[in-house]
């Protein structure tokens, strides 16, 4: 599991913030959305391999719908008015100090 920011809004992958899944989803909702996401991603791969632009567009739309359902795209799932740093490099966000401290402690 990748590191998660202290407020649990983002995971950190290769120094970049990615919005975490909504914590208010039930286990069954999350499981269903992840299954839909994985199926849609496989369909994207197959459509690209077969050069089927219509199938690719449909599959990409299903990927987007699943990611929005999970809260990883679209409007933020938190309600305190904090900005969204999705896809930002962590050193360019308010999480930079936390990340630096975390990296220092991981090195010890």
Protein backbone atom coordinates (compact mmCIF):
# COMPACT_ATOMS: atom_id res chain seq x y z
CA UNK A 1 0.00 0.00 0.00
CA UNK A 2 1.48 3.39 -0.94
CA UNK A 3 1.98 6.03 1.77
CA UNK A 4 -1.12 8.05 2.61
CA UNK A 5 -1.17 11.68 3.73
CA UNK A 6 -2.08 12.26 7.40
CA UNK A 7 -5.53 13.55 6.42
CA UNK A 8 -6.03 10.39 4.30
CA UNK A 9 -7.02 12.44 1.23
CA UNK A 10 -4.12 11.31 -0.98
CA UNK A 11 -1.77 8.46 -1.61
CA UNK A 12 1.80 9.23 -2.68
CA UNK A 13 3.23 7.48 -5.73
CA UNK A 14 6.70 8.46 -6.98
CA UNK A 15 6.45 11.82 -5.22
CA UNK A 16 3.07 12.67 -6.73
CA UNK A 17 -0.25 13.00 -4.89
CA UNK A 18 -3.18 10.94 -6.13
CA UNK A 19 -6.61 11.37 -4.59
CA UNK A 20 -7.53 8.47 -2.32
CA UNK A 21 -10.79 6.57 -2.48
CA UNK A 22 -13.73 8.09 -0.61
CA UNK A 23 -13.75 6.78 2.95
CA UNK A 24 -17.55 6.84 3.14
CA UNK A 25 -17.98 4.03 0.61
CA UNK A 26 -19.14 0.72 1.99
CA UNK A 27 -16.88 -2.25 1.36
CA UNK A 28 -19.34 -3.65 -1.19
CA UNK A 29 -19.60 -0.32 -3.03
CA UNK A 30 -15.84 0.01 -3.18
CA UNK A 31 -15.39 -3.59 -4.29
CA UNK A 32 -17.96 -3.17 -7.06
CA UNK A 33 -16.42 0.07 -8.31
CA UNK A 34 -12.90 -1.38 -8.29
CA UNK A 35 -14.13 -4.42 -10.22
CA UNK A 36 -15.79 -2.13 -12.77
CA UNK A 37 -12.61 -0.08 -13.03
CA UNK A 38 -10.41 -3.11 -13.63
CA UNK A 39 -12.83 -4.51 -16.22
CA UNK A 40 -12.94 -1.15 -18.03
CA UNK A 41 -9.14 -0.88 -18.00
CA UNK A 42 -8.86 -4.35 -19.54
CA UNK A 43 -11.41 -3.30 -22.17
CA UNK A 44 -9.34 -0.18 -22.95
CA UNK A 45 -6.28 -2.36 -23.49
CA UNK A 46 -8.16 -4.73 -25.79
CA UNK A 47 -9.75 -1.88 -27.77
CA UNK A 48 -6.36 -0.23 -28.29
CA UNK A 49 -4.86 -3.54 -29.43
CA UNK A 50 -7.65 -4.02 -31.93
CA UNK A 51 -7.68 -0.34 -33.00
CA UNK A 52 -11.39 -0.09 -32.16
CA UNK A 53 -11.83 3.62 -31.45
CA UNK A 54 -15.51 3.29 -30.53
CA UNK A 55 -14.87 0.51 -28.01
CA UNK A 56 -11.89 2.45 -26.65
CA UNK A 57 -13.97 5.59 -26.10
CA UNK A 58 -16.67 3.55 -24.36
CA UNK A 59 -14.14 1.78 -22.12
CA UNK A 60 -12.39 5.05 -21.24
CA UNK A 61 -15.76 6.55 -20.28
CA UNK A 62 -16.35 3.56 -17.99
CA UNK A 63 -12.91 4.04 -16.41
CA UNK A 64 -13.78 7.67 -15.75
CA UNK A 65 -17.17 6.77 -14.28
CA UNK A 66 -15.62 4.25 -11.89
CA UNK A 67 -12.87 6.68 -10.84
CA UNK A 68 -15.52 9.36 -10.18
CA UNK A 69 -17.57 6.89 -8.17
CA UNK A 70 -14.50 6.08 -6.08
CA UNK A 71 -13.92 9.82 -5.54
CA UNK A 72 -10.56 9.77 -7.29
CA UNK A 73 -11.79 12.19 -9.98
CA UNK A 74 -14.43 14.87 -10.15
CA UNK A 75 -15.50 16.95 -7.18
CA UNK A 76 -13.54 16.42 -3.99
CA UNK A 77 -15.16 14.20 -1.38
CA UNK A 78 -14.16 16.32 1.63
CA UNK A 79 -16.28 19.26 2.71
CA UNK A 80 -13.95 21.65 4.54
CA UNK A 81 -13.14 23.74 1.46
CA UNK A 82 -9.51 22.58 1.24
CA UNK A 83 -8.11 22.74 -2.31
CA UNK A 84 -7.47 19.66 -4.40
CA UNK A 85 -3.82 18.75 -4.98
CA UNK A 86 -4.55 15.67 -7.06
CA UNK A 87 -1.68 14.90 -9.47
CA UNK A 88 0.56 17.58 -7.96
CA UNK A 89 4.15 16.83 -7.07
CA UNK A 90 4.17 16.65 -3.30
CA UNK A 91 7.06 19.09 -2.89
CA UNK A 92 4.82 21.79 -4.42
CA UNK A 93 2.01 21.34 -1.90
CA UNK A 94 1.37 21.95 1.79
CA UNK A 95 2.27 18.28 2.33
CA UNK A 96 5.93 18.92 1.42
CA UNK A 97 7.16 19.30 5.01
CA UNK A 98 5.32 16.15 6.15
CA UNK A 99 6.76 14.21 3.20
CA UNK A 100 10.29 15.43 3.86
CA UNK A 101 10.02 14.44 7.51
CA UNK A 102 8.60 11.06 6.53
CA UNK A 103 11.44 10.43 4.09
CA UNK A 104 14.00 11.37 6.77
CA UNK A 105 12.43 9.00 9.30
CA UNK A 106 12.22 6.18 6.72
CA UNK A 107 15.95 6.58 6.06
CA UNK A 108 16.85 5.97 9.72
